[in-house]
N, C-alpha and C. Protein backbone atom coordinates (compact mmCIF):
# COMPACT_ATOMS: atom_id res chain seq x y z
N MET A 1 -1.87 14.25 -79.38
CA MET A 1 -0.68 14.51 -80.16
C MET A 1 0.50 14.66 -79.21
N GLN A 2 1.41 13.73 -79.22
CA GLN A 2 2.59 13.75 -78.37
C GLN A 2 3.69 14.56 -79.05
N LEU A 3 4.24 15.52 -78.34
CA LEU A 3 5.33 16.32 -78.87
C LEU A 3 6.64 15.76 -78.33
N SER A 4 7.58 15.51 -79.22
CA SER A 4 8.85 14.91 -78.83
C SER A 4 10.00 15.69 -79.45
N ILE A 5 11.02 15.95 -78.68
CA ILE A 5 12.16 16.69 -79.21
C ILE A 5 13.00 15.82 -80.14
N GLN A 6 13.08 14.52 -79.87
CA GLN A 6 13.94 13.65 -80.68
C GLN A 6 13.49 13.59 -82.13
N HIS A 7 12.20 13.41 -82.38
CA HIS A 7 11.77 13.28 -83.77
C HIS A 7 11.81 14.62 -84.50
N LEU A 8 11.76 15.72 -83.79
CA LEU A 8 11.82 17.02 -84.45
C LEU A 8 13.19 17.32 -85.03
N PHE A 9 14.23 16.85 -84.38
CA PHE A 9 15.60 17.20 -84.75
C PHE A 9 16.39 16.01 -85.26
N ILE A 10 15.70 15.04 -85.84
CA ILE A 10 16.35 13.81 -86.28
C ILE A 10 17.45 14.08 -87.34
N ASN A 11 17.28 15.10 -88.16
CA ASN A 11 18.27 15.40 -89.19
C ASN A 11 19.15 16.59 -88.84
N ALA A 12 19.20 16.94 -87.56
CA ALA A 12 19.99 18.09 -87.14
C ALA A 12 21.07 17.67 -86.15
N GLU A 13 22.14 18.41 -86.18
CA GLU A 13 23.18 18.26 -85.17
C GLU A 13 22.85 19.28 -84.08
N VAL A 14 22.51 18.80 -82.90
CA VAL A 14 22.11 19.68 -81.80
C VAL A 14 23.31 19.85 -80.86
N PRO A 15 23.84 21.08 -80.79
CA PRO A 15 24.99 21.33 -79.92
C PRO A 15 24.57 21.30 -78.45
N MET A 16 25.55 21.09 -77.59
CA MET A 16 25.29 21.02 -76.15
C MET A 16 26.04 22.14 -75.43
N PHE A 17 25.43 22.63 -74.35
CA PHE A 17 26.06 23.60 -73.46
C PHE A 17 25.77 23.16 -72.03
N LYS A 18 26.83 22.85 -71.29
CA LYS A 18 26.70 22.38 -69.92
C LYS A 18 25.73 21.20 -69.80
N GLY A 19 25.77 20.32 -70.81
CA GLY A 19 24.94 19.13 -70.78
C GLY A 19 23.52 19.31 -71.30
N TYR A 20 23.18 20.50 -71.80
CA TYR A 20 21.84 20.79 -72.30
C TYR A 20 21.89 21.09 -73.80
N PRO A 21 20.89 20.65 -74.56
CA PRO A 21 20.86 20.96 -75.99
C PRO A 21 20.59 22.44 -76.23
N VAL A 22 21.29 23.01 -77.19
CA VAL A 22 21.11 24.41 -77.57
C VAL A 22 20.31 24.42 -78.86
N LEU A 23 19.06 24.84 -78.77
CA LEU A 23 18.18 24.84 -79.94
C LEU A 23 18.07 26.21 -80.58
N TYR A 24 18.22 27.27 -79.80
CA TYR A 24 17.98 28.62 -80.29
C TYR A 24 18.75 29.62 -79.43
N ILE A 25 19.29 30.64 -80.07
CA ILE A 25 19.97 31.74 -79.36
C ILE A 25 19.32 33.03 -79.81
N GLY A 26 18.96 33.86 -78.85
CA GLY A 26 18.33 35.13 -79.18
C GLY A 26 18.75 36.21 -78.20
N ILE A 27 18.46 37.46 -78.57
CA ILE A 27 18.79 38.59 -77.71
C ILE A 27 17.52 39.40 -77.45
N SER A 28 17.61 40.21 -76.42
CA SER A 28 16.54 41.15 -76.13
C SER A 28 17.19 42.49 -75.80
N GLU A 29 17.07 43.42 -76.73
CA GLU A 29 17.69 44.72 -76.52
C GLU A 29 16.73 45.70 -75.86
N SER A 30 15.47 45.69 -76.25
CA SER A 30 14.55 46.71 -75.75
C SER A 30 13.38 46.15 -74.96
N GLN A 31 12.93 44.94 -75.25
CA GLN A 31 11.76 44.39 -74.58
C GLN A 31 12.03 43.89 -73.17
N GLY A 32 13.22 43.49 -72.91
CA GLY A 32 13.52 42.84 -71.65
C GLY A 32 13.36 41.34 -71.81
N LEU A 33 14.11 40.60 -71.06
CA LEU A 33 14.14 39.15 -71.21
C LEU A 33 12.81 38.50 -70.85
N ARG A 34 12.15 38.98 -69.81
CA ARG A 34 10.87 38.37 -69.41
C ARG A 34 9.82 38.56 -70.49
N ALA A 35 9.72 39.76 -71.03
CA ALA A 35 8.71 40.03 -72.07
C ALA A 35 9.02 39.24 -73.33
N ARG A 36 10.25 39.25 -73.78
CA ARG A 36 10.59 38.57 -75.03
C ARG A 36 10.53 37.06 -74.88
N ASP A 37 11.23 36.53 -73.92
CA ASP A 37 11.32 35.07 -73.81
C ASP A 37 10.07 34.43 -73.24
N TYR A 38 9.61 34.94 -72.13
CA TYR A 38 8.47 34.28 -71.51
C TYR A 38 7.17 34.61 -72.22
N LYS A 39 6.87 35.88 -72.40
CA LYS A 39 5.58 36.25 -72.99
C LYS A 39 5.50 35.92 -74.48
N ASN A 40 6.53 36.22 -75.24
CA ASN A 40 6.48 35.95 -76.68
C ASN A 40 6.67 34.47 -76.99
N HIS A 41 7.70 33.89 -76.43
CA HIS A 41 8.04 32.52 -76.81
C HIS A 41 7.25 31.46 -76.02
N PHE A 42 7.18 31.58 -74.72
CA PHE A 42 6.61 30.51 -73.91
C PHE A 42 5.10 30.62 -73.70
N THR A 43 4.53 31.81 -73.78
CA THR A 43 3.08 31.93 -73.57
C THR A 43 2.40 32.70 -74.69
N GLY A 44 3.15 33.16 -75.68
CA GLY A 44 2.57 33.93 -76.78
C GLY A 44 2.06 33.02 -77.88
N THR A 45 2.09 33.54 -79.10
CA THR A 45 1.68 32.75 -80.26
C THR A 45 2.78 32.82 -81.31
N ALA A 46 2.65 32.00 -82.32
CA ALA A 46 3.63 31.98 -83.41
C ALA A 46 3.64 33.29 -84.20
N ARG A 47 2.59 34.08 -84.08
CA ARG A 47 2.56 35.35 -84.81
C ARG A 47 3.72 36.26 -84.39
N LYS A 48 4.11 36.20 -83.13
CA LYS A 48 5.17 37.08 -82.62
C LYS A 48 6.42 36.33 -82.20
N SER A 49 6.51 35.05 -82.53
CA SER A 49 7.65 34.26 -82.09
C SER A 49 8.16 33.36 -83.21
N THR A 50 9.35 33.66 -83.69
CA THR A 50 9.95 32.80 -84.71
C THR A 50 10.27 31.42 -84.15
N LEU A 51 10.59 31.37 -82.86
CA LEU A 51 10.86 30.09 -82.22
C LEU A 51 9.61 29.20 -82.27
N ARG A 52 8.45 29.75 -81.95
CA ARG A 52 7.20 28.99 -82.00
C ARG A 52 6.85 28.61 -83.43
N LYS A 53 7.10 29.52 -84.39
CA LYS A 53 6.84 29.20 -85.80
C LYS A 53 7.65 27.97 -86.22
N SER A 54 8.91 27.96 -85.83
CA SER A 54 9.78 26.84 -86.20
C SER A 54 9.33 25.54 -85.56
N LEU A 55 9.03 25.58 -84.27
CA LEU A 55 8.60 24.35 -83.60
C LEU A 55 7.28 23.84 -84.17
N GLY A 56 6.34 24.73 -84.46
CA GLY A 56 5.08 24.33 -85.07
C GLY A 56 5.28 23.78 -86.47
N ALA A 57 6.20 24.38 -87.22
CA ALA A 57 6.50 23.89 -88.57
C ALA A 57 7.09 22.49 -88.51
N LEU A 58 7.95 22.24 -87.54
CA LEU A 58 8.54 20.91 -87.39
C LEU A 58 7.50 19.87 -87.00
N HIS A 59 6.44 20.30 -86.37
CA HIS A 59 5.34 19.39 -86.05
C HIS A 59 4.36 19.26 -87.22
N GLU A 60 4.68 19.94 -88.31
CA GLU A 60 3.88 19.88 -89.54
C GLU A 60 2.45 20.36 -89.30
N TRP A 61 2.33 21.49 -88.64
CA TRP A 61 1.03 22.07 -88.33
C TRP A 61 0.58 23.08 -89.39
N ARG A 62 0.95 22.88 -90.63
CA ARG A 62 0.57 23.81 -91.71
C ARG A 62 -0.94 24.01 -91.78
N ASP A 63 -1.70 22.94 -91.65
CA ASP A 63 -3.16 23.04 -91.71
C ASP A 63 -3.77 23.64 -90.45
N MET A 64 -2.96 23.85 -89.45
CA MET A 64 -3.45 24.41 -88.18
C MET A 64 -3.17 25.91 -88.09
N ARG A 65 -2.73 26.52 -89.18
CA ARG A 65 -2.40 27.95 -89.18
C ARG A 65 -3.64 28.82 -89.29
N VAL A 66 -3.58 29.94 -88.60
CA VAL A 66 -4.61 30.97 -88.67
C VAL A 66 -3.90 32.22 -89.18
N TYR A 67 -4.27 32.67 -90.39
CA TYR A 67 -3.59 33.80 -91.03
C TYR A 67 -4.26 35.13 -90.70
N PHE A 68 -3.45 36.18 -90.69
CA PHE A 68 -3.92 37.54 -90.48
C PHE A 68 -3.76 38.32 -91.79
N ARG A 69 -4.33 39.49 -91.83
CA ARG A 69 -4.28 40.31 -93.06
C ARG A 69 -2.85 40.62 -93.51
N ASP A 70 -1.95 40.75 -92.57
CA ASP A 70 -0.56 41.06 -92.91
C ASP A 70 0.24 39.81 -93.33
N ARG A 71 -0.46 38.69 -93.52
CA ARG A 71 0.11 37.40 -93.95
C ARG A 71 0.89 36.68 -92.85
N LYS A 72 0.96 37.28 -91.67
CA LYS A 72 1.56 36.58 -90.54
C LYS A 72 0.54 35.55 -90.05
N TYR A 73 1.04 34.57 -89.32
CA TYR A 73 0.12 33.55 -88.84
C TYR A 73 0.49 33.10 -87.44
N LYS A 74 -0.46 32.47 -86.81
CA LYS A 74 -0.28 31.73 -85.57
C LYS A 74 -0.89 30.37 -85.82
N PHE A 75 -0.80 29.49 -84.85
CA PHE A 75 -1.45 28.19 -84.97
C PHE A 75 -2.79 28.26 -84.23
N ASN A 76 -3.67 27.32 -84.51
CA ASN A 76 -4.96 27.34 -83.83
C ASN A 76 -4.75 27.23 -82.32
N ALA A 77 -5.80 27.55 -81.56
CA ALA A 77 -5.69 27.64 -80.10
C ALA A 77 -5.20 26.34 -79.46
N ILE A 78 -5.65 25.22 -79.96
CA ILE A 78 -5.24 23.93 -79.39
C ILE A 78 -3.75 23.71 -79.58
N CYS A 79 -3.24 23.96 -80.78
CA CYS A 79 -1.80 23.78 -81.05
C CYS A 79 -0.96 24.77 -80.25
N GLU A 80 -1.40 26.02 -80.17
CA GLU A 80 -0.65 27.02 -79.40
C GLU A 80 -0.59 26.62 -77.93
N GLU A 81 -1.67 26.11 -77.40
CA GLU A 81 -1.70 25.68 -76.00
C GLU A 81 -0.77 24.48 -75.79
N LYS A 82 -0.82 23.51 -76.69
CA LYS A 82 0.06 22.33 -76.59
C LYS A 82 1.52 22.74 -76.68
N LEU A 83 1.80 23.68 -77.58
CA LEU A 83 3.18 24.14 -77.75
C LEU A 83 3.67 24.87 -76.49
N SER A 84 2.84 25.73 -75.92
CA SER A 84 3.23 26.43 -74.68
C SER A 84 3.51 25.44 -73.57
N SER A 85 2.65 24.49 -73.42
CA SER A 85 2.80 23.49 -72.37
C SER A 85 4.07 22.67 -72.59
N TRP A 86 4.29 22.22 -73.83
CA TRP A 86 5.48 21.43 -74.15
C TRP A 86 6.75 22.23 -73.89
N MET A 87 6.75 23.50 -74.30
CA MET A 87 7.94 24.33 -74.11
C MET A 87 8.26 24.50 -72.63
N LYS A 88 7.24 24.75 -71.82
CA LYS A 88 7.45 24.92 -70.38
C LYS A 88 7.97 23.64 -69.74
N ASP A 89 7.54 22.50 -70.25
CA ASP A 89 7.96 21.22 -69.68
C ASP A 89 9.32 20.75 -70.19
N ASN A 90 9.74 21.20 -71.37
CA ASN A 90 10.92 20.61 -72.01
C ASN A 90 12.06 21.56 -72.34
N LEU A 91 11.83 22.85 -72.28
CA LEU A 91 12.88 23.79 -72.65
C LEU A 91 13.34 24.59 -71.44
N MET A 92 14.58 25.03 -71.50
CA MET A 92 15.17 25.83 -70.44
C MET A 92 15.80 27.06 -71.08
N ILE A 93 15.77 28.15 -70.35
CA ILE A 93 16.38 29.39 -70.83
C ILE A 93 17.64 29.66 -70.03
N PHE A 94 18.74 29.89 -70.73
CA PHE A 94 19.96 30.38 -70.10
C PHE A 94 20.10 31.85 -70.47
N TYR A 95 20.45 32.68 -69.50
CA TYR A 95 20.64 34.11 -69.75
C TYR A 95 22.10 34.47 -69.57
N TRP A 96 22.52 35.40 -70.40
CA TRP A 96 23.86 35.95 -70.27
C TRP A 96 23.69 37.44 -70.43
N LEU A 97 23.92 38.20 -69.37
CA LEU A 97 23.73 39.64 -69.41
C LEU A 97 25.02 40.32 -69.85
N VAL A 98 24.90 41.16 -70.86
CA VAL A 98 26.04 41.94 -71.36
C VAL A 98 25.61 43.39 -71.52
N ASP A 99 26.58 44.29 -71.44
CA ASP A 99 26.29 45.72 -71.53
C ASP A 99 26.52 46.30 -72.92
N GLU A 100 27.36 45.68 -73.70
CA GLU A 100 27.69 46.25 -75.01
C GLU A 100 27.96 45.15 -76.03
N ASN A 101 27.92 45.52 -77.28
CA ASN A 101 28.18 44.61 -78.39
C ASN A 101 27.26 43.39 -78.39
N ILE A 102 26.03 43.58 -77.97
CA ILE A 102 25.11 42.45 -77.83
C ILE A 102 24.86 41.74 -79.16
N GLY A 103 24.69 42.52 -80.23
CA GLY A 103 24.48 41.92 -81.55
C GLY A 103 25.68 41.14 -82.03
N GLU A 104 26.86 41.66 -81.76
CA GLU A 104 28.10 40.98 -82.14
C GLU A 104 28.26 39.67 -81.38
N ILE A 105 27.94 39.70 -80.09
CA ILE A 105 28.03 38.49 -79.27
C ILE A 105 27.00 37.46 -79.73
N GLU A 106 25.78 37.92 -80.05
CA GLU A 106 24.76 37.00 -80.55
C GLU A 106 25.24 36.31 -81.83
N ASN A 107 25.76 37.09 -82.77
CA ASN A 107 26.27 36.51 -84.02
C ASN A 107 27.35 35.48 -83.76
N LYS A 108 28.27 35.80 -82.87
CA LYS A 108 29.37 34.88 -82.56
C LYS A 108 28.82 33.58 -81.97
N LEU A 109 27.89 33.69 -81.02
CA LEU A 109 27.34 32.49 -80.38
C LEU A 109 26.55 31.64 -81.37
N ILE A 110 25.76 32.30 -82.23
CA ILE A 110 24.98 31.56 -83.23
C ILE A 110 25.90 30.78 -84.15
N ASN A 111 26.96 31.43 -84.60
CA ASN A 111 27.85 30.76 -85.54
C ASN A 111 28.80 29.77 -84.87
N GLU A 112 29.03 29.93 -83.56
CA GLU A 112 29.85 28.97 -82.84
C GLU A 112 29.04 27.70 -82.52
N PHE A 113 27.79 27.89 -82.06
CA PHE A 113 26.97 26.74 -81.67
C PHE A 113 26.14 26.19 -82.83
N SER A 114 25.76 27.02 -83.77
CA SER A 114 24.89 26.66 -84.88
C SER A 114 23.62 25.95 -84.41
N PRO A 115 22.84 26.63 -83.57
CA PRO A 115 21.59 26.01 -83.10
C PRO A 115 20.65 25.78 -84.27
N PRO A 116 19.99 24.65 -84.32
CA PRO A 116 19.18 24.32 -85.50
C PRO A 116 18.00 25.26 -85.75
N LEU A 117 17.51 25.96 -84.72
CA LEU A 117 16.35 26.84 -84.93
C LEU A 117 16.71 28.29 -85.24
N ASN A 118 17.99 28.63 -85.23
CA ASN A 118 18.40 29.97 -85.63
C ASN A 118 18.57 30.00 -87.15
N LEU A 119 17.63 30.62 -87.83
CA LEU A 119 17.67 30.69 -89.28
C LEU A 119 18.41 31.93 -89.75
N ALA A 120 18.08 33.07 -89.18
CA ALA A 120 18.74 34.32 -89.54
C ALA A 120 20.11 34.38 -88.86
N LYS A 121 21.04 35.00 -89.50
CA LYS A 121 22.39 35.24 -88.97
C LYS A 121 23.24 33.98 -88.84
N ASN A 122 22.72 32.83 -89.16
CA ASN A 122 23.45 31.58 -88.99
C ASN A 122 24.16 31.24 -90.30
N ARG A 123 25.46 31.39 -90.30
CA ARG A 123 26.25 31.14 -91.51
C ARG A 123 27.05 29.85 -91.42
N SER A 124 26.91 29.13 -90.34
CA SER A 124 27.66 27.90 -90.14
C SER A 124 27.21 26.82 -91.13
N PRO A 125 28.15 26.03 -91.63
CA PRO A 125 27.75 24.92 -92.51
C PRO A 125 27.02 23.80 -91.74
N ILE A 126 27.21 23.78 -90.41
CA ILE A 126 26.52 22.78 -89.60
C ILE A 126 25.02 23.10 -89.61
N ASN A 127 24.22 22.13 -89.87
CA ASN A 127 22.76 22.26 -89.91
C ASN A 127 22.24 23.08 -91.09
N ARG A 128 23.05 23.36 -92.07
CA ARG A 128 22.60 24.16 -93.23
C ARG A 128 21.42 23.49 -93.94
N THR A 129 21.50 22.20 -94.16
CA THR A 129 20.42 21.47 -94.83
C THR A 129 19.16 21.47 -93.96
N PHE A 130 19.32 21.25 -92.67
CA PHE A 130 18.18 21.27 -91.75
C PHE A 130 17.50 22.64 -91.78
N ARG A 131 18.30 23.71 -91.72
CA ARG A 131 17.73 25.07 -91.74
C ARG A 131 17.00 25.35 -93.04
N ALA A 132 17.52 24.88 -94.16
CA ALA A 132 16.85 25.07 -95.44
C ALA A 132 15.50 24.37 -95.47
N GLU A 133 15.45 23.16 -94.94
CA GLU A 133 14.18 22.43 -94.87
C GLU A 133 13.20 23.12 -93.93
N LEU A 134 13.70 23.61 -92.82
CA LEU A 134 12.83 24.31 -91.86
C LEU A 134 12.25 25.58 -92.48
N LYS A 135 13.04 26.30 -93.25
CA LYS A 135 12.54 27.51 -93.92
C LYS A 135 11.38 27.14 -94.86
N LYS A 136 11.52 26.04 -95.58
CA LYS A 136 10.44 25.60 -96.46
C LYS A 136 9.17 25.26 -95.66
N LEU A 137 9.34 24.58 -94.54
CA LEU A 137 8.20 24.20 -93.70
C LEU A 137 7.48 25.42 -93.14
N ARG A 138 8.22 26.48 -92.89
CA ARG A 138 7.64 27.69 -92.28
C ARG A 138 6.88 28.55 -93.29
N ARG A 139 7.10 28.34 -94.58
CA ARG A 139 6.40 29.17 -95.59
C ARG A 139 4.94 28.87 -95.66
């Protein structure tokens, strides 16, 4: 199964920052950036990562879900491994350290860039249809 960024975002407008596509914007207030971004997103599972849930949903891995009692899910081990590997090979993390108003800054950046994978807090009309379809895929 080949994972490709182009076919995942065919119906989305992907903004650019310094020549790189901006797919998702997030903050880490208490966990720390290494724990949240690397452990949850890049090496964790979809159970604890909305970013992984979205990417797996875009790959149409509905039948590959493993559900827990609390109705949360992850993908099967093969899909989670492929996703981790793909993310490490194809995604980059930019950090911006701030001391205050972190939530306010996150909201501003999400609505300025309108990254296609930010579902919550994204009020921009750009990618609205894409986000609605992604929400359906994630259910």
